[in-house]
N, C-alpha and C. Protein backbone atom coordinates (compact mmCIF):
# COMPACT_ATOMS: atom_id res chain seq x y z
N UNK A 1 74.17 103.33 88.32
CA UNK A 1 73.27 103.11 89.45
C UNK A 1 74.03 103.34 90.75
N UNK A 2 73.42 104.07 91.68
CA UNK A 2 74.08 104.37 92.95
C UNK A 2 74.26 103.09 93.77
N UNK A 3 75.39 103.02 94.46
CA UNK A 3 75.69 101.85 95.27
C UNK A 3 76.77 102.20 96.27
N UNK A 4 77.05 101.25 97.17
CA UNK A 4 78.17 101.37 98.09
C UNK A 4 79.26 100.40 97.67
N UNK A 5 80.47 100.92 97.49
CA UNK A 5 81.64 100.09 97.24
C UNK A 5 82.46 99.99 98.52
N UNK A 6 82.89 98.78 98.86
CA UNK A 6 83.85 98.57 99.93
C UNK A 6 85.18 98.29 99.25
N UNK A 7 86.14 99.20 99.44
CA UNK A 7 87.38 99.15 98.66
C UNK A 7 88.58 98.89 99.57
N UNK A 8 89.23 97.74 99.44
CA UNK A 8 90.44 97.48 100.22
C UNK A 8 91.59 98.38 99.80
N UNK A 9 92.42 98.76 100.75
CA UNK A 9 93.61 99.56 100.47
C UNK A 9 94.84 98.80 100.99
N UNK A 10 96.03 99.12 100.52
CA UNK A 10 97.23 98.38 100.93
C UNK A 10 97.45 98.41 102.44
N UNK A 11 97.98 97.31 102.98
CA UNK A 11 98.29 97.26 104.41
C UNK A 11 99.71 97.75 104.67
N UNK A 12 100.42 98.10 103.62
CA UNK A 12 101.78 98.62 103.76
C UNK A 12 102.36 99.00 102.42
N UNK A 13 102.54 98.01 101.56
CA UNK A 13 103.15 98.22 100.26
C UNK A 13 102.11 98.76 99.27
N UNK A 14 102.35 99.96 98.74
CA UNK A 14 101.39 100.60 97.84
C UNK A 14 101.20 99.84 96.54
N UNK A 15 102.15 98.96 96.19
CA UNK A 15 102.00 98.18 94.97
C UNK A 15 100.88 97.16 95.07
N UNK A 16 100.33 96.96 96.28
CA UNK A 16 99.22 96.02 96.46
C UNK A 16 97.86 96.65 96.14
N UNK A 17 97.83 97.92 95.80
CA UNK A 17 96.59 98.57 95.37
C UNK A 17 96.23 98.01 93.99
N UNK A 18 94.97 97.62 93.79
CA UNK A 18 94.58 97.04 92.51
C UNK A 18 94.16 98.14 91.52
N UNK A 19 94.27 97.81 90.23
CA UNK A 19 93.84 98.74 89.19
C UNK A 19 92.36 99.07 89.36
N UNK A 20 91.58 98.06 89.70
CA UNK A 20 90.14 98.27 89.86
C UNK A 20 89.84 99.20 91.02
N UNK A 21 90.58 99.04 92.13
CA UNK A 21 90.36 99.91 93.29
C UNK A 21 90.63 101.36 92.93
N UNK A 22 91.70 101.62 92.20
CA UNK A 22 92.02 102.99 91.78
C UNK A 22 90.92 103.54 90.89
N UNK A 23 90.46 102.74 89.94
CA UNK A 23 89.41 103.20 89.03
C UNK A 23 88.12 103.54 89.78
N UNK A 24 87.72 102.66 90.69
CA UNK A 24 86.47 102.90 91.44
C UNK A 24 86.58 104.16 92.28
N UNK A 25 87.72 104.35 92.95
CA UNK A 25 87.88 105.54 93.79
C UNK A 25 87.89 106.82 92.97
N UNK A 26 88.30 106.74 91.72
CA UNK A 26 88.26 107.92 90.83
C UNK A 26 86.85 108.19 90.32
N UNK A 27 86.05 107.14 90.18
CA UNK A 27 84.74 107.27 89.54
C UNK A 27 83.61 107.59 90.51
N UNK A 28 83.74 107.21 91.80
CA UNK A 28 82.63 107.43 92.74
C UNK A 28 82.46 108.91 93.03
N UNK A 29 81.29 109.25 93.59
CA UNK A 29 81.00 110.64 93.93
C UNK A 29 81.62 111.05 95.26
N UNK A 30 81.79 110.07 96.16
CA UNK A 30 82.26 110.37 97.51
C UNK A 30 83.04 109.18 98.08
N UNK A 31 84.12 109.49 98.79
CA UNK A 31 84.89 108.46 99.49
C UNK A 31 84.76 108.68 100.99
N UNK A 32 84.36 107.64 101.71
CA UNK A 32 84.33 107.68 103.17
C UNK A 32 85.62 107.06 103.68
N UNK A 33 86.38 107.82 104.47
CA UNK A 33 87.69 107.37 104.92
C UNK A 33 87.75 107.34 106.43
N UNK A 34 88.44 106.33 106.96
CA UNK A 34 88.60 106.21 108.41
C UNK A 34 89.38 107.39 108.97
N UNK A 35 90.48 107.74 108.33
CA UNK A 35 91.27 108.91 108.69
C UNK A 35 91.62 109.63 107.39
N UNK A 36 91.02 110.80 107.18
CA UNK A 36 91.21 111.51 105.91
C UNK A 36 92.65 111.94 105.69
N UNK A 37 93.42 112.12 106.77
CA UNK A 37 94.83 112.50 106.61
C UNK A 37 95.63 111.31 106.07
N UNK A 38 95.40 110.14 106.64
CA UNK A 38 96.09 108.93 106.17
C UNK A 38 95.67 108.61 104.74
N UNK A 39 94.38 108.62 104.48
CA UNK A 39 93.88 108.27 103.15
C UNK A 39 94.23 109.34 102.12
N UNK A 40 94.38 110.57 102.57
CA UNK A 40 94.76 111.65 101.67
C UNK A 40 96.09 111.38 100.99
N UNK A 41 97.03 110.81 101.72
CA UNK A 41 98.34 110.47 101.16
C UNK A 41 98.20 109.38 100.09
N UNK A 42 97.33 108.40 100.36
CA UNK A 42 97.10 107.32 99.40
C UNK A 42 96.46 107.87 98.13
N UNK A 43 95.43 108.69 98.29
CA UNK A 43 94.74 109.24 97.12
C UNK A 43 95.67 110.13 96.30
N UNK A 44 96.49 110.89 96.97
CA UNK A 44 97.44 111.76 96.25
C UNK A 44 98.42 110.92 95.44
N UNK A 45 98.88 109.81 96.02
CA UNK A 45 99.83 108.93 95.33
C UNK A 45 99.26 108.40 94.02
N UNK A 46 97.95 108.10 94.01
CA UNK A 46 97.31 107.54 92.82
C UNK A 46 96.52 108.58 92.02
N UNK A 47 96.76 109.86 92.32
CA UNK A 47 96.11 110.97 91.58
C UNK A 47 94.58 110.84 91.61
N UNK A 48 94.05 110.56 92.79
CA UNK A 48 92.60 110.45 92.97
C UNK A 48 92.12 111.74 93.64
N UNK A 49 91.25 112.46 92.97
CA UNK A 49 90.81 113.78 93.46
C UNK A 49 89.39 113.76 94.03
N UNK A 50 88.81 112.59 94.21
CA UNK A 50 87.43 112.46 94.70
C UNK A 50 87.31 113.05 96.12
N UNK A 51 86.19 113.69 96.38
CA UNK A 51 85.93 114.28 97.70
C UNK A 51 85.88 113.20 98.77
N UNK A 52 86.43 113.52 99.95
CA UNK A 52 86.42 112.58 101.08
C UNK A 52 85.62 113.14 102.25
N UNK A 53 84.95 112.24 102.97
CA UNK A 53 84.34 112.54 104.26
C UNK A 53 84.86 111.55 105.28
N UNK A 54 84.86 111.94 106.54
CA UNK A 54 85.36 111.08 107.61
C UNK A 54 84.27 110.09 108.05
N UNK A 55 84.65 108.82 108.19
CA UNK A 55 83.73 107.78 108.66
C UNK A 55 84.54 106.80 109.48
N UNK A 56 84.44 106.86 110.80
CA UNK A 56 85.27 106.03 111.67
C UNK A 56 84.43 105.50 112.83
N UNK A 57 85.08 104.72 113.72
CA UNK A 57 84.35 104.03 114.78
C UNK A 57 83.67 104.98 115.76
N UNK A 58 84.15 106.22 115.83
CA UNK A 58 83.58 107.16 116.79
C UNK A 58 82.39 107.94 116.24
N UNK A 59 82.20 107.93 114.91
CA UNK A 59 81.07 108.68 114.37
C UNK A 59 80.15 107.85 113.47
N UNK A 60 80.49 106.56 113.25
CA UNK A 60 79.73 105.78 112.27
C UNK A 60 78.27 105.58 112.68
N UNK A 61 77.98 105.53 113.99
CA UNK A 61 76.59 105.39 114.42
C UNK A 61 75.78 106.63 114.03
N UNK A 62 76.42 107.79 114.03
CA UNK A 62 75.73 109.04 113.72
C UNK A 62 75.65 109.30 112.21
N UNK A 63 76.66 108.87 111.47
CA UNK A 63 76.73 109.23 110.06
C UNK A 63 76.12 108.19 109.12
N UNK A 64 75.89 106.98 109.61
CA UNK A 64 75.42 105.90 108.72
C UNK A 64 74.11 106.26 108.03
N UNK A 65 73.13 106.74 108.78
CA UNK A 65 71.82 107.08 108.19
C UNK A 65 71.97 108.16 107.12
N UNK A 66 72.85 109.13 107.38
CA UNK A 66 73.07 110.21 106.42
C UNK A 66 73.68 109.67 105.12
N UNK A 67 74.62 108.75 105.27
CA UNK A 67 75.25 108.18 104.08
C UNK A 67 74.23 107.37 103.27
N UNK A 68 73.41 106.59 103.95
CA UNK A 68 72.36 105.82 103.26
C UNK A 68 71.45 106.76 102.47
N UNK A 69 71.08 107.87 103.07
CA UNK A 69 70.23 108.85 102.38
C UNK A 69 70.92 109.41 101.14
N UNK A 70 72.22 109.66 101.24
CA UNK A 70 72.97 110.19 100.10
C UNK A 70 72.98 109.18 98.95
N UNK A 71 73.18 107.90 99.28
CA UNK A 71 73.20 106.88 98.24
C UNK A 71 71.81 106.71 97.62
N UNK A 72 70.78 106.72 98.46
CA UNK A 72 69.41 106.62 97.94
C UNK A 72 69.06 107.83 97.08
N UNK A 73 69.74 108.94 97.36
CA UNK A 73 69.52 110.15 96.57
C UNK A 73 70.26 110.16 95.25
N UNK A 74 71.08 109.12 95.00
CA UNK A 74 71.72 109.01 93.70
C UNK A 74 73.23 109.00 93.71
N UNK A 75 73.86 109.20 94.86
CA UNK A 75 75.32 109.21 94.92
C UNK A 75 75.88 107.79 94.96
N UNK A 76 77.04 107.63 94.36
CA UNK A 76 77.79 106.38 94.48
C UNK A 76 78.93 106.64 95.46
N UNK A 77 79.04 105.78 96.48
CA UNK A 77 79.97 106.02 97.59
C UNK A 77 80.92 104.85 97.74
N UNK A 78 82.18 105.16 98.06
CA UNK A 78 83.17 104.13 98.37
C UNK A 78 83.61 104.29 99.81
N UNK A 79 83.76 103.18 100.51
CA UNK A 79 84.26 103.18 101.87
C UNK A 79 85.64 102.54 101.90
N UNK A 80 86.61 103.25 102.51
CA UNK A 80 87.94 102.70 102.68
C UNK A 80 88.34 102.82 104.15
N UNK A 81 89.25 101.96 104.59
CA UNK A 81 89.81 102.08 105.94
C UNK A 81 91.25 102.54 105.81
N UNK A 82 91.94 102.72 106.92
CA UNK A 82 93.34 103.15 106.86
C UNK A 82 94.21 102.13 106.15
N UNK A 83 93.87 100.86 106.32
CA UNK A 83 94.65 99.78 105.68
C UNK A 83 93.82 98.52 105.65
N UNK A 84 93.87 97.80 104.53
CA UNK A 84 93.16 96.54 104.43
C UNK A 84 91.72 96.69 103.97
N UNK A 85 90.92 95.66 104.25
CA UNK A 85 89.53 95.61 103.79
C UNK A 85 88.59 96.18 104.83
N UNK A 86 87.73 97.12 104.46
CA UNK A 86 86.77 97.68 105.42
C UNK A 86 85.94 96.58 106.08
N UNK A 87 85.59 96.82 107.35
CA UNK A 87 84.75 95.94 108.17
C UNK A 87 85.51 94.77 108.78
N UNK A 88 86.76 94.54 108.38
CA UNK A 88 87.58 93.50 109.02
C UNK A 88 88.39 94.18 110.11
N UNK A 89 87.89 94.14 111.34
CA UNK A 89 88.49 94.86 112.48
C UNK A 89 88.59 96.36 112.19
N UNK A 90 87.71 96.86 111.37
CA UNK A 90 87.63 98.29 111.02
C UNK A 90 86.17 98.65 110.78
N UNK A 91 85.85 99.96 110.75
CA UNK A 91 84.46 100.36 110.45
C UNK A 91 84.00 99.82 109.09
N UNK A 92 82.72 99.57 108.97
CA UNK A 92 82.17 99.11 107.70
C UNK A 92 80.95 98.23 107.84
N UNK A 93 80.89 97.45 108.93
CA UNK A 93 79.77 96.54 109.10
C UNK A 93 78.44 97.28 109.23
N UNK A 94 78.40 98.31 110.07
CA UNK A 94 77.15 99.03 110.30
C UNK A 94 76.60 99.64 109.01
N UNK A 95 77.49 100.25 108.23
CA UNK A 95 77.05 100.88 106.98
C UNK A 95 76.61 99.83 105.97
N UNK A 96 77.36 98.75 105.88
CA UNK A 96 76.99 97.67 104.96
C UNK A 96 75.61 97.12 105.30
N UNK A 97 75.37 96.84 106.56
CA UNK A 97 74.07 96.31 106.99
C UNK A 97 72.95 97.29 106.70
N UNK A 98 73.20 98.57 106.98
CA UNK A 98 72.16 99.59 106.76
C UNK A 98 71.83 99.71 105.27
N UNK A 99 72.84 99.62 104.41
CA UNK A 99 72.59 99.70 102.97
C UNK A 99 71.79 98.50 102.49
N UNK A 100 72.14 97.32 102.97
CA UNK A 100 71.41 96.11 102.57
C UNK A 100 69.95 96.20 103.01
N UNK A 101 69.73 96.67 104.24
CA UNK A 101 68.37 96.81 104.74
C UNK A 101 67.58 97.85 103.95
N UNK A 102 68.28 98.84 103.38
CA UNK A 102 67.62 99.88 102.60
C UNK A 102 67.48 99.50 101.12
N UNK A 103 67.92 98.29 100.77
CA UNK A 103 67.81 97.84 99.39
C UNK A 103 68.87 98.42 98.47
N UNK A 104 69.96 98.90 99.03
CA UNK A 104 71.05 99.49 98.26
C UNK A 104 72.06 98.39 97.89
N UNK A 105 72.53 98.42 96.66
CA UNK A 105 73.51 97.43 96.23
C UNK A 105 74.86 97.69 96.90
N UNK A 106 75.49 96.64 97.37
CA UNK A 106 76.81 96.72 98.01
C UNK A 106 77.78 95.85 97.21
N UNK A 107 78.94 96.41 96.90
CA UNK A 107 79.94 95.70 96.10
C UNK A 107 81.28 95.77 96.83
N UNK A 108 81.77 94.63 97.32
CA UNK A 108 83.05 94.58 98.01
C UNK A 108 84.13 94.09 97.04
N UNK A 109 85.14 94.91 96.80
CA UNK A 109 86.23 94.53 95.93
C UNK A 109 87.20 93.60 96.66
N UNK A 110 87.82 92.67 95.96
CA UNK A 110 88.86 91.85 96.60
C UNK A 110 90.12 92.67 96.77
N UNK A 111 90.89 92.33 97.80
CA UNK A 111 92.12 93.08 98.01
C UNK A 111 92.81 92.71 99.30
N UNK A 112 93.67 93.60 99.75
CA UNK A 112 94.55 93.31 100.88
C UNK A 112 93.79 93.09 102.18
N UNK A 113 94.19 92.06 102.90
CA UNK A 113 93.74 91.76 104.26
C UNK A 113 94.89 91.08 104.97
N UNK A 114 95.29 91.59 106.13
CA UNK A 114 96.53 91.13 106.76
C UNK A 114 96.50 89.66 107.16
N UNK A 115 95.33 89.16 107.60
CA UNK A 115 95.35 87.82 108.20
C UNK A 115 95.52 86.70 107.17
N UNK A 116 95.17 86.93 105.90
CA UNK A 116 95.28 85.85 104.91
C UNK A 116 96.74 85.48 104.62
N UNK A 117 97.61 86.43 104.26
CA UNK A 117 99.01 86.04 104.06
C UNK A 117 99.68 85.54 105.34
N UNK A 118 99.29 86.09 106.50
CA UNK A 118 99.87 85.62 107.76
C UNK A 118 99.49 84.16 108.01
N UNK A 119 98.24 83.80 107.74
CA UNK A 119 97.79 82.42 107.92
C UNK A 119 98.52 81.48 106.98
N UNK A 120 98.58 81.84 105.71
CA UNK A 120 99.22 80.97 104.72
C UNK A 120 100.71 80.82 105.02
N UNK A 121 101.33 81.91 105.46
CA UNK A 121 102.77 81.93 105.73
C UNK A 121 103.13 81.22 107.04
N UNK A 122 102.14 80.96 107.89
CA UNK A 122 102.42 80.37 109.20
C UNK A 122 102.86 78.92 109.11
N UNK A 123 102.42 78.23 108.07
CA UNK A 123 102.69 76.80 107.97
C UNK A 123 101.73 75.94 108.77
N UNK A 124 100.75 76.58 109.41
CA UNK A 124 99.74 75.85 110.19
C UNK A 124 98.56 75.49 109.31
N UNK A 125 97.77 74.49 109.70
CA UNK A 125 96.63 74.09 108.87
C UNK A 125 95.72 75.28 108.56
N UNK A 126 95.39 75.46 107.27
CA UNK A 126 94.55 76.59 106.88
C UNK A 126 93.29 76.18 106.12
N UNK A 127 92.99 74.86 106.16
CA UNK A 127 91.74 74.42 105.53
C UNK A 127 90.53 74.75 106.40
N UNK A 128 90.76 74.90 107.71
CA UNK A 128 89.73 75.34 108.66
C UNK A 128 90.38 76.30 109.63
N UNK A 129 89.79 77.46 109.82
CA UNK A 129 90.37 78.42 110.76
C UNK A 129 89.29 79.33 111.30
N UNK A 130 89.60 80.00 112.41
CA UNK A 130 88.68 80.96 113.01
C UNK A 130 89.41 82.28 113.20
N UNK A 131 88.80 83.35 112.72
CA UNK A 131 89.39 84.68 112.83
C UNK A 131 88.79 85.38 114.05
N UNK A 132 89.63 85.70 115.03
CA UNK A 132 89.18 86.34 116.26
C UNK A 132 89.43 87.84 116.28
N UNK A 133 90.33 88.33 115.43
CA UNK A 133 90.65 89.75 115.44
C UNK A 133 91.26 90.16 116.77
N UNK A 134 90.87 91.33 117.27
CA UNK A 134 91.37 91.80 118.56
C UNK A 134 90.56 91.17 119.69
N UNK A 135 91.23 90.61 120.67
CA UNK A 135 90.56 90.05 121.84
C UNK A 135 89.97 91.17 122.70
N UNK A 136 88.92 90.87 123.49
CA UNK A 136 88.41 91.88 124.42
C UNK A 136 89.53 92.36 125.34
N UNK A 137 89.54 93.66 125.64
CA UNK A 137 90.61 94.21 126.47
C UNK A 137 90.47 93.76 127.92
N UNK A 138 89.27 93.86 128.47
CA UNK A 138 89.05 93.47 129.87
C UNK A 138 87.82 92.58 129.98
N UNK A 139 86.65 93.18 129.86
CA UNK A 139 85.41 92.43 130.03
C UNK A 139 85.28 91.34 128.96
N UNK A 140 85.12 90.11 129.41
CA UNK A 140 84.93 89.00 128.50
C UNK A 140 86.20 88.35 128.00
N UNK A 141 87.35 88.89 128.37
CA UNK A 141 88.62 88.34 127.86
C UNK A 141 88.87 86.93 128.40
N UNK A 142 88.71 86.74 129.70
CA UNK A 142 88.94 85.43 130.29
C UNK A 142 87.97 84.40 129.73
N UNK A 143 86.70 84.79 129.62
CA UNK A 143 85.69 83.88 129.07
C UNK A 143 86.03 83.48 127.65
N UNK A 144 86.53 84.44 126.87
CA UNK A 144 86.90 84.15 125.48
C UNK A 144 88.04 83.15 125.42
N UNK A 145 89.04 83.34 126.27
CA UNK A 145 90.16 82.41 126.31
C UNK A 145 89.72 81.01 126.72
N UNK A 146 88.81 80.92 127.67
CA UNK A 146 88.33 79.61 128.12
C UNK A 146 87.63 78.86 126.99
N UNK A 147 86.89 79.58 126.17
CA UNK A 147 86.23 78.96 125.02
C UNK A 147 87.25 78.56 123.95
N UNK A 148 88.21 79.44 123.69
CA UNK A 148 89.19 79.18 122.65
C UNK A 148 90.16 78.06 123.02
N UNK A 149 90.31 77.80 124.31
CA UNK A 149 91.18 76.71 124.75
C UNK A 149 90.71 75.36 124.21
N UNK A 150 89.43 75.27 123.84
CA UNK A 150 88.86 74.03 123.31
C UNK A 150 88.81 74.02 121.78
N UNK A 151 89.19 75.15 121.16
CA UNK A 151 89.09 75.29 119.71
C UNK A 151 90.10 74.40 118.99
N UNK A 152 89.62 73.61 118.01
CA UNK A 152 90.50 72.70 117.28
C UNK A 152 90.97 73.28 115.94
N UNK A 153 90.35 74.34 115.51
CA UNK A 153 90.79 74.98 114.26
C UNK A 153 91.94 75.95 114.53
N UNK A 154 92.69 76.27 113.52
CA UNK A 154 93.73 77.30 113.63
C UNK A 154 93.06 78.63 113.97
N UNK A 155 93.66 79.37 114.89
CA UNK A 155 93.08 80.64 115.36
C UNK A 155 93.95 81.82 114.93
N UNK A 156 93.30 82.92 114.56
CA UNK A 156 94.00 84.11 114.09
C UNK A 156 93.59 85.30 114.95
N UNK A 157 94.59 86.06 115.40
CA UNK A 157 94.36 87.22 116.25
C UNK A 157 95.14 88.42 115.71
N UNK A 158 94.62 89.62 115.98
CA UNK A 158 95.37 90.85 115.77
C UNK A 158 95.82 91.36 117.13
N UNK A 159 96.99 91.97 117.19
CA UNK A 159 97.45 92.53 118.46
C UNK A 159 98.36 93.73 118.23
N UNK A 160 98.32 94.67 119.18
CA UNK A 160 99.19 95.85 119.14
C UNK A 160 100.49 95.55 119.86
N UNK A 161 101.55 96.31 119.59
CA UNK A 161 102.86 95.99 120.19
C UNK A 161 102.89 96.07 121.72
N UNK A 162 102.16 97.03 122.31
CA UNK A 162 102.24 97.19 123.76
C UNK A 162 101.44 96.14 124.53
N UNK A 163 100.63 95.34 123.82
CA UNK A 163 99.86 94.28 124.48
C UNK A 163 100.35 92.88 124.09
N UNK A 164 101.35 92.83 123.22
CA UNK A 164 101.77 91.54 122.68
C UNK A 164 102.26 90.57 123.76
N UNK A 165 103.14 91.02 124.64
CA UNK A 165 103.71 90.11 125.64
C UNK A 165 102.63 89.61 126.61
N UNK A 166 101.70 90.48 126.97
CA UNK A 166 100.59 90.06 127.84
C UNK A 166 99.77 88.96 127.16
N UNK A 167 99.48 89.15 125.89
CA UNK A 167 98.69 88.17 125.15
C UNK A 167 99.44 86.85 125.01
N UNK A 168 100.74 86.92 124.73
CA UNK A 168 101.54 85.70 124.63
C UNK A 168 101.57 84.95 125.97
N UNK A 169 101.66 85.70 127.07
CA UNK A 169 101.63 85.08 128.40
C UNK A 169 100.30 84.34 128.61
N UNK A 170 99.20 84.96 128.20
CA UNK A 170 97.89 84.33 128.35
C UNK A 170 97.73 83.13 127.41
N UNK A 171 98.35 83.19 126.23
CA UNK A 171 98.36 82.01 125.36
C UNK A 171 98.98 80.83 126.10
N UNK A 172 100.08 81.09 126.81
CA UNK A 172 100.73 80.04 127.58
C UNK A 172 99.83 79.50 128.67
N UNK A 173 99.09 80.41 129.32
CA UNK A 173 98.17 80.01 130.39
C UNK A 173 97.06 79.11 129.88
N UNK A 174 96.43 79.52 128.79
CA UNK A 174 95.21 78.86 128.33
C UNK A 174 95.45 77.80 127.25
N UNK A 175 96.48 77.97 126.42
CA UNK A 175 96.73 77.03 125.33
C UNK A 175 97.89 76.09 125.64
N UNK A 176 98.77 76.51 126.55
CA UNK A 176 99.95 75.71 126.87
C UNK A 176 101.20 76.29 126.23
N UNK A 177 102.32 76.24 126.96
CA UNK A 177 103.56 76.84 126.50
C UNK A 177 104.12 76.14 125.26
N UNK A 178 103.70 74.88 125.02
CA UNK A 178 104.23 74.13 123.89
C UNK A 178 103.34 74.21 122.65
N UNK A 179 102.27 75.02 122.71
CA UNK A 179 101.39 75.17 121.54
C UNK A 179 102.16 75.89 120.42
N UNK A 180 102.05 75.37 119.22
CA UNK A 180 102.77 75.94 118.07
C UNK A 180 102.00 77.15 117.53
N UNK A 181 102.75 78.17 117.15
CA UNK A 181 102.13 79.39 116.62
C UNK A 181 103.12 80.13 115.73
N UNK A 182 102.64 81.19 115.10
CA UNK A 182 103.53 82.09 114.37
C UNK A 182 103.09 83.52 114.64
N UNK A 183 104.02 84.44 114.52
CA UNK A 183 103.74 85.87 114.68
C UNK A 183 104.28 86.58 113.45
N UNK A 184 103.40 87.27 112.73
CA UNK A 184 103.81 88.08 111.58
C UNK A 184 103.62 89.55 111.92
N UNK A 185 104.62 90.35 111.60
CA UNK A 185 104.51 91.79 111.89
C UNK A 185 104.92 92.60 110.68
N UNK A 186 104.38 93.83 110.62
CA UNK A 186 104.72 94.76 109.54
C UNK A 186 104.53 94.12 108.16
N UNK A 187 103.37 93.50 107.98
CA UNK A 187 103.10 92.78 106.74
C UNK A 187 103.27 93.69 105.53
N UNK A 188 103.98 93.21 104.54
CA UNK A 188 104.27 93.84 103.24
C UNK A 188 105.21 95.04 103.33
N UNK A 189 105.67 95.39 104.54
CA UNK A 189 106.53 96.57 104.70
C UNK A 189 108.00 96.16 104.72
N UNK A 190 108.89 97.14 104.81
CA UNK A 190 110.33 96.91 104.74
C UNK A 190 110.82 95.94 105.81
N UNK A 191 110.29 96.05 107.03
CA UNK A 191 110.78 95.24 108.14
C UNK A 191 109.85 94.07 108.46
N UNK A 192 109.13 93.60 107.46
CA UNK A 192 108.24 92.45 107.65
C UNK A 192 109.03 91.23 108.13
N UNK A 193 108.46 90.51 109.09
CA UNK A 193 109.06 89.27 109.53
C UNK A 193 107.99 88.34 110.09
N UNK A 194 108.26 87.05 110.00
CA UNK A 194 107.40 86.04 110.59
C UNK A 194 108.25 85.14 111.48
N UNK A 195 107.82 85.02 112.75
CA UNK A 195 108.52 84.19 113.73
C UNK A 195 107.64 82.97 114.00
N UNK A 196 108.22 81.79 113.91
CA UNK A 196 107.47 80.56 114.14
C UNK A 196 108.10 79.78 115.29
N UNK A 197 107.27 79.10 116.07
CA UNK A 197 107.78 78.30 117.17
C UNK A 197 106.68 78.02 118.16
N UNK A 198 107.06 77.59 119.36
CA UNK A 198 106.07 77.39 120.42
C UNK A 198 105.76 78.72 121.08
N UNK A 199 104.68 78.75 121.85
CA UNK A 199 104.33 79.96 122.59
C UNK A 199 105.50 80.40 123.47
N UNK A 200 106.12 79.46 124.15
CA UNK A 200 107.24 79.77 125.04
C UNK A 200 108.42 80.36 124.27
N UNK A 201 108.73 79.80 123.12
CA UNK A 201 109.85 80.29 122.32
C UNK A 201 109.60 81.70 121.81
N UNK A 202 108.38 81.96 121.40
CA UNK A 202 108.07 83.29 120.87
C UNK A 202 108.01 84.33 121.99
N UNK A 203 107.56 83.91 123.17
CA UNK A 203 107.63 84.80 124.34
C UNK A 203 109.06 85.25 124.59
N UNK A 204 109.98 84.31 124.59
CA UNK A 204 111.39 84.62 124.85
C UNK A 204 111.95 85.53 123.77
N UNK A 205 111.55 85.30 122.53
CA UNK A 205 112.03 86.12 121.42
C UNK A 205 111.66 87.59 121.62
N UNK A 206 110.40 87.83 122.00
CA UNK A 206 109.95 89.22 122.12
C UNK A 206 110.28 89.84 123.48
N UNK A 207 110.72 89.02 124.42
CA UNK A 207 111.29 89.59 125.64
C UNK A 207 112.64 90.22 125.36
N UNK A 208 113.37 89.61 124.44
CA UNK A 208 114.69 90.11 124.08
C UNK A 208 114.63 91.18 122.99
N UNK A 209 113.59 91.12 122.17
CA UNK A 209 113.42 92.08 121.09
C UNK A 209 112.10 92.80 121.26
N UNK A 210 112.12 94.05 121.77
CA UNK A 210 110.88 94.78 122.04
C UNK A 210 109.96 94.81 120.83
N UNK A 211 108.67 94.48 121.01
CA UNK A 211 107.73 94.44 119.88
C UNK A 211 107.52 95.82 119.24
N UNK A 212 107.54 95.85 117.92
CA UNK A 212 107.26 97.06 117.16
C UNK A 212 106.40 96.71 115.97
N UNK A 213 105.48 97.59 115.62
CA UNK A 213 104.61 97.37 114.47
C UNK A 213 103.29 96.73 114.86
N UNK A 214 102.54 96.34 113.84
CA UNK A 214 101.25 95.68 114.05
C UNK A 214 101.43 94.18 113.83
N UNK A 215 100.72 93.37 114.64
CA UNK A 215 100.97 91.94 114.67
C UNK A 215 99.75 91.11 114.29
N UNK A 216 100.02 90.01 113.58
CA UNK A 216 99.02 88.98 113.33
C UNK A 216 99.54 87.70 113.99
N UNK A 217 98.76 87.15 114.91
CA UNK A 217 99.14 85.94 115.63
C UNK A 217 98.32 84.77 115.12
N UNK A 218 99.00 83.72 114.71
CA UNK A 218 98.32 82.52 114.20
C UNK A 218 98.68 81.37 115.12
N UNK A 219 97.67 80.74 115.71
CA UNK A 219 97.89 79.73 116.75
C UNK A 219 97.24 78.41 116.35
N UNK A 220 97.98 77.32 116.49
CA UNK A 220 97.44 75.99 116.18
C UNK A 220 96.26 75.68 117.12
N UNK A 221 95.29 74.96 116.59
CA UNK A 221 94.16 74.53 117.42
C UNK A 221 94.56 73.39 118.34
N UNK A 222 93.67 73.09 119.26
CA UNK A 222 93.90 71.99 120.20
C UNK A 222 93.93 70.66 119.45
N UNK A 223 94.89 69.80 119.79
CA UNK A 223 94.97 68.50 119.13
C UNK A 223 93.94 67.54 119.70
């Protein structure tokens, strides 16, 4: 029966690819990839010869209806992102919603997502947490920080290396320099590291050591 599969891919270490994910990607009729060049290397590594089409944040509004029609026409389709689980700070939500509205079965496989190991590894309370992903770049950023300053649950953010110091500075402004947090970078890769301490301590660390890689920031909630 035709359906949409959401298939997580490794966030760094290829050994995190599941047997089921490889099987599904070999069996489907079409794979939608965020970047076909990046995903092409992954598929080649696992000897997956399934046809790929591009599906990313810049074209998903235009291609979603076409993909739904293909699935309704009998094709089984898998959606993958460059790394991690589709729709988690990556394309996937629009297509998933459109398929559900069209009565198409959607099956999301379990697999790699950067924020889960970062949260568990932080040592901060993880029985209740809020995932914020990437903060607004300009519009709405201050308002978001003002709301989060009152948040009592552990907070999780994604950040790029060139914006890390700015974000840490704003953490100090809105959460306080003594708020406890952790920063995990290059998850599952050779240079993976997790730094734990106060906002002020982590600011100083990355002032001396220029940020490189992709970051997951885990911040304690307000006491």
